[in-house]
C-alpha atoms as a PDB file:
ATOM      1  CA  MET A   1    -122.154  11.318   9.009  1.00  0.00           C
ATOM      2  CA  SER A   2    -118.335  11.802   8.895  1.00  0.00           C
ATOM      3  CA  ALA A   3    -116.182  13.101  11.601  1.00  0.00           C
ATOM      4  CA  ILE A   4    -115.764  16.293   9.767  1.00  0.00           C
ATOM      5  CA  GLU A   5    -119.532  16.527   9.360  1.00  0.00           C
ATOM      6  CA  LYS A   6    -120.010  16.025  13.098  1.00  0.00           C
ATOM      7  CA  ARG A   7    -117.365  18.630  14.006  1.00  0.00           C
ATOM      8  CA  ILE A   8    -118.835  21.165  11.775  1.00  0.00           C
ATOM      9  CA  SER A   9    -122.476  20.460  12.891  1.00  0.00           C
ATOM     10  CA  ARG A  10    -121.646  20.541  16.551  1.00  0.00           C
ATOM     11  CA  HIS A  11    -119.885  23.830  16.400  1.00  0.00           C
ATOM     12  CA  LEU A  12    -122.765  25.273  14.149  1.00  0.00           C
ATOM     13  CA  LEU A  13    -125.476  23.933  16.601  1.00  0.00           C
ATOM     14  CA  ALA A  14    -123.564  25.629  19.470  1.00  0.00           C
ATOM     15  CA  GLY A  15    -124.408  28.968  18.017  1.00  0.00           C
ATOM     16  CA  LYS A  16    -120.805  29.664  16.922  1.00  0.00           C
ATOM     17  CA  GLU A  17    -119.600  31.062  13.560  1.00  0.00           C
ATOM     18  CA  LEU A  18    -117.048  29.333  11.477  1.00  0.00           C
ATOM     19  CA  SER A  19    -114.303  31.058   9.206  1.00  0.00           C
ATOM     20  CA  ILE A  20    -110.741  30.891   8.008  1.00  0.00           C
ATOM     21  CA  LYS A  21    -109.786  32.521  11.398  1.00  0.00           C
ATOM     22  CA  ASN A  22    -111.077  29.537  13.473  1.00  0.00           C
ATOM     23  CA  MET A  23    -111.304  26.489  11.043  1.00  0.00           C
ATOM     24  CA  TYR A  24    -108.564  24.854  13.000  1.00  0.00           C
ATOM     25  CA  VAL A  25    -111.291  24.270  15.619  1.00  0.00           C
ATOM     26  CA  VAL A  26    -113.048  21.776  13.456  1.00  0.00           C
ATOM     27  CA  ARG A  27    -109.692  20.625  11.888  1.00  0.00           C
ATOM     28  CA  VAL A  28    -110.283  21.456   8.241  1.00  0.00           C
ATOM     29  CA  SER A  29    -108.010  22.988   5.852  1.00  0.00           C
ATOM     30  CA  ASN A  30    -110.556  24.768   3.656  1.00  0.00           C
ATOM     31  CA  ILE A  31    -113.734  25.761   5.494  1.00  0.00           C
ATOM     32  CA  SER A  32    -115.515  27.360   2.586  1.00  0.00           C
ATOM     33  CA  ARG A  33    -115.037  24.074   0.570  1.00  0.00           C
ATOM     34  CA  GLU A  34    -116.301  21.797   3.509  1.00  0.00           C
ATOM     35  CA  ILE A  35    -119.231  23.956   4.530  1.00  0.00           C
ATOM     36  CA  ARG A  36    -120.517  23.706   1.011  1.00  0.00           C
ATOM     37  CA  ARG A  37    -119.887  20.067   0.505  1.00  0.00           C
ATOM     38  CA  ARG A  38    -120.473  18.516   3.669  1.00  0.00           C
ATOM     39  CA  ILE A  39    -123.320  20.723   5.235  1.00  0.00           C
ATOM     40  CA  GLU A  40    -125.211  22.952   2.779  1.00  0.00           C
ATOM     41  CA  ILE A  41    -125.545  20.546  -0.312  1.00  0.00           C
ATOM     42  CA  PRO A  42    -126.451  17.104   1.581  1.00  0.00           C
ATOM     43  CA  LEU A  43    -128.922  18.939   3.896  1.00  0.00           C
ATOM     44  CA  ASN A  44    -130.318  21.401   1.332  1.00  0.00           C
ATOM     45  CA  ILE A  45    -129.677  24.366   3.459  1.00  0.00           C
ATOM     46  CA  GLU A  46    -127.863  27.694   3.147  1.00  0.00           C
ATOM     47  CA  LEU A  47    -125.825  29.096   6.102  1.00  0.00           C
ATOM     48  CA  ASP A  48    -125.911  32.822   6.731  1.00  0.00           C
ATOM     49  CA  ARG A  49    -122.645  34.371   5.339  1.00  0.00           C
ATOM     50  CA  LYS A  50    -121.161  37.598   6.699  1.00  0.00           C
ATOM     51  CA  LYS A  51    -118.532  39.242   4.431  1.00  0.00           C
ATOM     52  CA  ILE A  52    -115.597  40.469   6.793  1.00  0.00           C
ATOM     53  CA  GLU A  53    -113.194  42.943   4.936  1.00  0.00           C
ATOM     54  CA  TRP A  54    -109.894  43.695   6.248  1.00  0.00           C
ATOM     55  CA  LYS A  55    -106.934  45.837   5.465  1.00  0.00           C
ATOM     56  CA  ASP A  56    -103.358  46.205   6.844  1.00  0.00           C
ATOM     57  CA  ASN A  57    -100.075  47.476   5.761  1.00  0.00           C
ATOM     58  CA  PHE A  58     -99.505  44.719   2.959  1.00  0.00           C
ATOM     59  CA  GLY A  59    -102.800  44.745   1.246  1.00  0.00           C
ATOM     60  CA  SER A  60    -106.691  44.055   1.849  1.00  0.00           C
ATOM     61  CA  GLY A  61    -108.998  41.301   1.329  1.00  0.00           C
ATOM     62  CA  TYR A  62    -112.188  39.609   2.719  1.00  0.00           C
ATOM     63  CA  TYR A  63    -113.373  36.240   4.032  1.00  0.00           C
ATOM     64  CA  PHE A  64    -116.704  34.904   5.170  1.00  0.00           C
ATOM     65  CA  GLU A  65    -117.976  34.068   8.540  1.00  0.00           C
ATOM     66  CA  TYR A  66    -120.639  31.129   8.438  1.00  0.00           C
ATOM     67  CA  ARG A  67    -123.455  30.884  10.886  1.00  0.00           C
ATOM     68  CA  LEU A  68    -126.479  28.486  10.995  1.00  0.00           C
ATOM     69  CA  LYS A  69    -129.761  30.016  10.431  1.00  0.00           C
ATOM     70  CA  GLN A  70    -132.399  29.736  13.177  1.00  0.00           C
ATOM     71  CA  SER A  71    -134.789  28.112  10.642  1.00  0.00           C
ATOM     72  CA  ASP A  72    -132.282  25.320   9.651  1.00  0.00           C
ATOM     73  CA  PHE A  73    -131.300  24.587  13.403  1.00  0.00           C
ATOM     74  CA  PRO A  74    -134.022  21.830  13.748  1.00  0.00           C
ATOM     75  CA  LYS A  75    -132.929  20.146  10.565  1.00  0.00           C
ATOM     76  CA  VAL A  76    -129.274  19.920  11.468  1.00  0.00           C
ATOM     77  CA  LEU A  77    -130.202  18.793  15.061  1.00  0.00           C
ATOM     78  CA  GLU A  78    -132.217  15.911  13.812  1.00  0.00           C
ATOM     79  CA  LEU A  79    -129.443  14.722  11.559  1.00  0.00           C
ATOM     80  CA  TYR A  80    -126.767  15.339  14.442  1.00  0.00           C
ATOM     81  CA  LYS A  81    -128.874  13.313  16.875  1.00  0.00           C
ATOM     82  CA  ARG A  82    -129.537  10.388  14.597  1.00  0.00           C
ATOM     83  CA  GLU A  83    -125.947  10.014  13.918  1.00  0.00           C
ATOM     84  CA  ILE A  84    -124.855   9.961  17.673  1.00  0.00           C
END
C-alpha cells in the first residue's frame, strides 16, 4: 500500500468525506482520479458519491464528495491494518 493509499484510507476510515475542497488533507492533486485508481478498483468497492452543485457571480458547476460505505468499511480496515 502506497503512502497516498494509506492517507486516503485513514481519512475514509475516520468517517470523513473527501472532495476537491479538502484534497490537500491527503496531499493529492486530483482526488477523483486517485479515489478510482488507488481505492475503488484495487479493492473492488465503490464509494458513495454526493454531487454538490454551486453557483456564484462568475458561473456554476459541481463536484463530488466521496464517503466510504458502511458495508465496505471492514474490507478497507482489513487492508489498512495489514499494511501498518
